[in-house]
């Protein structure tokens, strides 16, 4: 059995059609059909239900598909790590969601560059889900995200459960009320969530918090990113739920209020490739954990 057999079978399974799979793989249909038949002959089992439209997997085919996906992912990860280790000029890439820039991430970057000036460090803004794919493809080495997503090839470390707060327009009646607001107080307002896409994202965490409490915001406005959401709040277009560290984005036209629910938190999650044990990754992870421990009382769950 060769890796190409796995790639061919996974593509056929995902497309549900031999012709479309052949087009995607840039090969002719008859050779692809023969390759799948050879794979079944080698395994001694039938993987596809012949005659079904679209093609369906047998029980054995479903099992093989799930494990083939994992093997192909591990292969891409191995290729990416090998190429990176073989580069003489050390380079590292960090993916991050925008809101983490208001927390410890800038401090991490400054200290790492100061202590390891021979390693070139590049930054890439991307969503939590984009980071997972980028890690496995070798495009980044470390990710700072907020979505809890299980992937067998990615190691996750929750660095912090950051408190969430309300951002409301300055002068809004809610700004003069109790020191802490509830989601019930905000449900009658236009709720500005971010990012608009791709999903799932921080926006879904916020909406789920309302739904879990039996609340439905009067109106939901989806902003492309955090700074646009805060700008819309400043313009009086609505209110937003943001990580507490965003208070560092000081604006006279926005008022930040605590929330009275201790469970209103958002994780800051460090992600790396599961099998990546390179020296640079270990140094960076150790530094990140140290910095977060040094600042553990800042913006954490009360």
Protein backbone atom coordinates (compact mmCIF):
# COMPACT_ATOMS: atom_id res chain seq x y z
CA UNK A 1 0.00 0.00 0.00
CA UNK A 2 1.38 3.40 -0.99
CA UNK A 3 0.53 6.93 0.13
CA UNK A 4 -0.94 7.68 -3.29
CA UNK A 5 -3.49 4.93 -2.72
CA UNK A 6 -4.56 6.67 0.48
CA UNK A 7 -4.80 10.06 -1.27
CA UNK A 8 -6.80 8.56 -4.15
CA UNK A 9 -9.24 6.77 -1.84
CA UNK A 10 -9.75 9.82 0.44
CA UNK A 11 -10.49 12.03 -2.57
CA UNK A 12 -13.00 9.53 -4.00
CA UNK A 13 -14.68 9.22 -0.59
CA UNK A 14 -14.94 12.99 -0.19
CA UNK A 15 -16.16 13.67 -3.73
CA UNK A 16 -18.60 10.73 -3.77
CA UNK A 17 -17.95 10.40 -7.48
CA UNK A 18 -15.07 8.80 -9.42
CA UNK A 19 -15.24 11.34 -12.27
CA UNK A 20 -15.04 14.39 -9.98
CA UNK A 21 -12.29 12.73 -7.94
CA UNK A 22 -10.27 12.05 -11.09
CA UNK A 23 -10.62 15.69 -12.16
CA UNK A 24 -9.50 16.89 -8.74
CA UNK A 25 -6.50 14.54 -8.80
CA UNK A 26 -5.69 15.47 -12.44
CA UNK A 27 -5.69 11.88 -13.60
CA UNK A 28 -7.96 9.92 -15.95
CA UNK A 29 -10.94 8.05 -14.56
CA UNK A 30 -10.01 4.49 -15.65
CA UNK A 31 -6.56 4.52 -13.92
CA UNK A 32 -8.16 5.90 -10.76
CA UNK A 33 -10.77 3.14 -10.76
CA UNK A 34 -8.00 0.56 -11.18
CA UNK A 35 -6.03 2.05 -8.27
CA UNK A 36 -9.07 1.83 -5.97
CA UNK A 37 -9.69 -1.77 -7.11
CA UNK A 38 -6.04 -2.64 -6.44
CA UNK A 39 -6.35 -1.15 -2.95
CA UNK A 40 -9.44 -3.26 -2.23
CA UNK A 41 -7.70 -6.37 -3.57
CA UNK A 42 -4.69 -5.73 -1.38
CA UNK A 43 -6.85 -5.23 1.72
CA UNK A 44 -9.15 -8.10 0.84
CA UNK A 45 -12.28 -6.06 1.59
CA UNK A 46 -14.73 -3.89 -0.34
CA UNK A 47 -14.39 -0.19 0.51
CA UNK A 48 -17.04 1.28 -1.79
CA UNK A 49 -20.64 0.24 -2.41
CA UNK A 50 -20.71 -0.27 -6.15
CA UNK A 51 -23.72 1.20 -7.95
CA UNK A 52 -24.62 3.70 -5.24
CA UNK A 53 -25.09 7.30 -6.38
CA UNK A 54 -23.36 9.17 -4.88
CA UNK A 55 -20.75 6.59 -3.99
CA UNK A 56 -21.06 5.33 -0.43
CA UNK A 57 -18.48 3.77 1.84
CA UNK A 58 -18.92 0.31 3.29
CA UNK A 59 -18.40 -0.12 7.02
CA UNK A 60 -14.80 -1.15 6.28
CA UNK A 61 -14.48 1.85 3.98
CA UNK A 62 -15.60 4.25 6.70
CA UNK A 63 -13.02 2.81 9.09
CA UNK A 64 -10.28 3.00 6.45
CA UNK A 65 -11.25 6.57 5.49
CA UNK A 66 -10.99 7.86 9.07
CA UNK A 67 -7.54 6.38 9.59
CA UNK A 68 -6.32 7.31 6.11
CA UNK A 69 -7.14 10.95 6.86
CA UNK A 70 -5.07 10.79 10.04
CA UNK A 71 -2.12 9.12 8.30
CA UNK A 72 -2.10 11.69 5.49
CA UNK A 73 -2.25 14.52 8.02
CA UNK A 74 0.67 13.06 9.96
CA UNK A 75 2.60 12.69 6.70
CA UNK A 76 2.11 16.37 5.84
CA UNK A 77 3.16 17.28 9.37
CA UNK A 78 6.29 15.12 9.09
CA UNK A 79 7.20 16.72 5.75
CA UNK A 80 6.71 20.23 7.14
CA UNK A 81 8.79 19.57 10.25
CA UNK A 82 11.58 17.89 8.30
CA UNK A 83 11.84 20.81 5.87
CA UNK A 84 11.90 23.30 8.73
CA UNK A 85 14.55 21.41 10.69
CA UNK A 86 16.68 21.19 7.56
CA UNK A 87 16.77 24.97 7.10
CA UNK A 88 20.05 26.41 8.38
CA UNK A 89 18.62 29.89 8.96
CA UNK A 90 16.10 29.28 11.71
CA UNK A 91 12.66 30.72 11.12
CA UNK A 92 9.47 30.51 13.14
CA UNK A 93 5.95 31.67 12.39
CA UNK A 94 3.20 32.53 14.86
CA UNK A 95 -0.49 32.62 13.98
CA UNK A 96 -2.77 34.67 16.19
CA UNK A 97 -6.32 35.95 16.52
CA UNK A 98 -6.46 39.74 16.72
CA UNK A 99 -7.75 39.95 20.28
CA UNK A 100 -4.62 38.26 21.69
CA UNK A 101 -2.56 41.31 20.69
CA UNK A 102 -4.13 43.17 23.61
CA UNK A 103 -2.85 40.60 26.12
CA UNK A 104 0.52 38.92 26.64
CA UNK A 105 1.37 38.15 23.00
CA UNK A 106 3.35 41.39 22.33
CA UNK A 107 5.40 40.74 25.48
CA UNK A 108 6.10 37.17 24.30
CA UNK A 109 7.27 38.40 20.90
CA UNK A 110 9.52 41.13 22.31
CA UNK A 111 11.20 38.83 24.83
CA UNK A 112 11.70 35.98 22.37
CA UNK A 113 13.30 38.28 19.81
CA UNK A 114 15.54 39.81 22.47
CA UNK A 115 16.73 36.45 23.82
CA UNK A 116 16.86 34.53 20.52
CA UNK A 117 17.90 37.10 17.93
CA UNK A 118 19.24 34.43 15.54
CA UNK A 119 15.72 33.08 14.97
CA UNK A 120 13.58 34.99 12.50
CA UNK A 121 10.06 35.38 13.86
CA UNK A 122 7.11 36.20 11.60
CA UNK A 123 3.47 36.89 12.56
CA UNK A 124 0.27 36.00 10.75
CA UNK A 125 -3.22 37.07 11.78
CA UNK A 126 -5.68 34.22 11.26
CA UNK A 127 -8.69 32.69 12.92
CA UNK A 128 -8.40 29.80 15.37
CA UNK A 129 -9.64 27.30 12.78
CA UNK A 130 -7.29 28.64 10.12
CA UNK A 131 -4.43 28.14 12.58
CA UNK A 132 -5.19 24.41 12.89
CA UNK A 133 -4.90 23.93 9.13
CA UNK A 134 -1.81 26.16 8.92
CA UNK A 135 -0.06 24.17 11.66
CA UNK A 136 -0.62 20.87 9.88
CA UNK A 137 0.50 22.33 6.56
CA UNK A 138 3.68 23.77 8.10
CA UNK A 139 2.73 27.39 7.39
CA UNK A 140 2.97 28.36 11.08
CA UNK A 141 4.69 26.75 14.07
CA UNK A 142 2.60 28.11 16.95
CA UNK A 143 -0.95 29.42 17.15
CA UNK A 144 -2.71 31.71 19.64
CA UNK A 145 -6.45 31.12 19.38
CA UNK A 146 -9.68 31.02 21.36
CA UNK A 147 -11.66 28.07 19.94
CA UNK A 148 -11.54 24.69 21.66
CA UNK A 149 -11.10 22.32 18.72
CA UNK A 150 -9.93 18.73 19.05
CA UNK A 151 -7.48 17.51 16.43
CA UNK A 152 -5.38 14.36 16.89
CA UNK A 153 -2.35 16.04 15.33
CA UNK A 154 -2.43 19.27 17.34
CA UNK A 155 -1.36 19.84 20.94
CA UNK A 156 -3.38 22.43 22.86
CA UNK A 157 -2.39 24.30 26.02
CA UNK A 158 -4.96 26.58 27.67
CA UNK A 159 -2.85 29.53 28.84
CA UNK A 160 -5.64 31.48 30.47
CA UNK A 161 -9.39 31.77 30.90
CA UNK A 162 -9.78 35.48 30.20
CA UNK A 163 -12.72 37.42 31.61
CA UNK A 164 -15.21 38.87 29.15
CA UNK A 165 -16.56 42.38 29.56
CA UNK A 166 -19.15 44.59 27.88
CA UNK A 167 -18.18 47.42 25.56
CA UNK A 168 -20.94 50.05 25.38
CA UNK A 169 -21.12 53.55 23.88
CA UNK A 170 -20.00 56.35 26.21
CA UNK A 171 -23.04 58.09 27.66
CA UNK A 172 -25.29 55.07 27.15
CA UNK A 173 -27.77 54.62 30.05
CA UNK A 174 -26.11 51.29 30.93
CA UNK A 175 -22.79 53.06 31.52
CA UNK A 176 -24.20 54.78 34.59
CA UNK A 177 -25.88 51.74 36.11
CA UNK A 178 -24.45 49.01 38.34
CA UNK A 179 -20.69 48.37 38.43
CA UNK A 180 -21.33 45.04 36.68
CA UNK A 181 -23.88 44.24 33.98
CA UNK A 182 -25.66 40.99 33.16
CA UNK A 183 -26.36 39.52 29.75
CA UNK A 184 -30.01 40.19 30.47
CA UNK A 185 -29.16 43.92 30.62
CA UNK A 186 -27.62 43.67 27.15
CA UNK A 187 -30.21 41.45 25.45
CA UNK A 188 -32.43 44.39 24.49
CA UNK A 189 -29.54 46.09 22.64
CA UNK A 190 -28.07 45.47 19.20
CA UNK A 191 -25.28 42.97 19.82
CA UNK A 192 -22.18 43.43 17.67
CA UNK A 193 -20.23 40.16 17.26
CA UNK A 194 -16.95 39.39 15.53
CA UNK A 195 -15.46 38.02 13.38
CA UNK A 196 -18.08 37.70 10.68
CA UNK A 197 -16.30 34.73 9.04
CA UNK A 198 -15.09 32.05 9.00
CA UNK A 199 -17.05 30.21 11.66
CA UNK A 200 -16.97 28.80 14.29
CA UNK A 201 -15.32 31.76 15.99
CA UNK A 202 -15.41 34.06 19.01
CA UNK A 203 -18.75 35.32 17.70
CA UNK A 204 -20.26 31.88 18.26
CA UNK A 205 -18.91 31.79 21.83
CA UNK A 206 -20.70 35.04 22.60
CA UNK A 207 -23.97 34.02 20.96
CA UNK A 208 -23.86 30.66 22.76
CA UNK A 209 -23.47 32.47 26.09
CA UNK A 210 -26.78 34.29 25.49
CA UNK A 211 -28.57 31.17 24.26
CA UNK A 212 -27.31 29.09 27.21
CA UNK A 213 -29.04 31.57 29.51
CA UNK A 214 -32.30 31.52 27.58
CA UNK A 215 -31.68 34.96 26.08
CA UNK A 216 -31.98 36.20 22.52
CA UNK A 217 -30.32 39.51 21.56
CA UNK A 218 -32.80 41.96 20.02
CA UNK A 219 -30.61 42.25 16.94
CA UNK A 220 -27.21 40.84 15.95
CA UNK A 221 -24.74 42.72 13.77
CA UNK A 222 -21.70 40.80 12.48
CA UNK A 223 -18.48 42.82 12.17
CA UNK A 224 -15.45 41.64 10.25
CA UNK A 225 -13.01 42.06 13.12
CA UNK A 226 -12.52 43.34 16.67
CA UNK A 227 -11.47 46.93 15.92
CA UNK A 228 -14.44 47.43 13.59
CA UNK A 229 -16.75 46.09 16.31
CA UNK A 230 -15.33 48.52 18.87
CA UNK A 231 -15.59 51.34 16.35
CA UNK A 232 -19.26 50.53 15.78
CA UNK A 233 -19.82 50.58 19.53
CA UNK A 234 -18.18 54.02 19.67
CA UNK A 235 -20.55 55.16 16.93
CA UNK A 236 -23.52 54.12 19.04
CA UNK A 237 -24.53 51.23 16.76
CA UNK A 238 -24.76 48.69 19.56
CA UNK A 239 -22.87 46.89 22.32
CA UNK A 240 -20.25 44.14 22.20
CA UNK A 241 -18.80 41.43 24.42
CA UNK A 242 -15.00 41.56 24.31
CA UNK A 243 -12.04 40.02 26.17
CA UNK A 244 -11.01 42.10 29.20
CA UNK A 245 -7.57 42.82 27.73
CA UNK A 246 -9.26 44.94 25.04
CA UNK A 247 -9.53 47.66 27.69
CA UNK A 248 -5.99 48.43 26.61
CA UNK A 249 -7.57 49.85 23.44
CA UNK A 250 -8.49 53.05 25.25
CA UNK A 251 -11.20 55.17 23.66
CA UNK A 252 -13.07 58.07 25.22
CA UNK A 253 -16.20 57.14 23.29
CA UNK A 254 -16.37 53.56 24.60
CA UNK A 255 -17.17 52.48 28.16
CA UNK A 256 -16.09 49.06 29.40
CA UNK A 257 -18.21 47.37 32.06
CA UNK A 258 -17.62 44.15 33.99
CA UNK A 259 -20.09 41.28 33.66
CA UNK A 260 -21.60 39.75 36.78
CA UNK A 261 -21.30 36.15 35.54
CA UNK A 262 -18.08 34.34 36.58
CA UNK A 263 -18.54 31.86 33.74
CA UNK A 264 -18.24 34.57 31.09
CA UNK A 265 -14.69 33.78 30.01
CA UNK A 266 -12.84 33.03 26.80
CA UNK A 267 -9.79 30.75 26.69
CA UNK A 268 -6.45 31.76 25.23
CA UNK A 269 -5.17 28.55 23.65
CA UNK A 270 -1.62 27.82 22.52
CA UNK A 271 -1.51 25.26 19.69
CA UNK A 272 1.47 23.42 18.21
CA UNK A 273 1.98 20.32 16.08
CA UNK A 274 1.72 17.26 18.29
CA UNK A 275 4.96 15.67 17.11
CA UNK A 276 7.05 18.84 16.90
CA UNK A 277 9.71 18.60 19.62
CA UNK A 278 12.27 20.92 18.03
CA UNK A 279 14.47 23.04 20.26
CA UNK A 280 12.97 26.33 19.04
CA UNK A 281 9.42 25.19 19.78
CA UNK A 282 10.38 24.05 23.28
CA UNK A 283 12.09 27.40 23.97
CA UNK A 284 9.08 29.36 22.77
CA UNK A 285 6.54 27.27 24.70
CA UNK A 286 8.59 27.55 27.91
CA UNK A 287 8.82 31.32 27.49
CA UNK A 288 5.10 31.68 26.77
CA UNK A 289 4.08 29.67 29.83
CA UNK A 290 6.55 31.63 32.00
CA UNK A 291 5.20 35.00 30.85
CA UNK A 292 1.59 33.98 31.43
CA UNK A 293 2.46 32.67 34.90
CA UNK A 294 4.24 35.95 35.72
CA UNK A 295 1.10 37.85 34.74
CA UNK A 296 -1.47 35.34 35.96
CA UNK A 297 -3.58 37.88 37.87
CA UNK A 298 -4.15 40.11 34.86
CA UNK A 299 -7.48 39.74 33.01
CA UNK A 300 -8.13 36.25 34.39
CA UNK A 301 -11.35 34.75 35.65
CA UNK A 302 -12.17 36.36 39.01
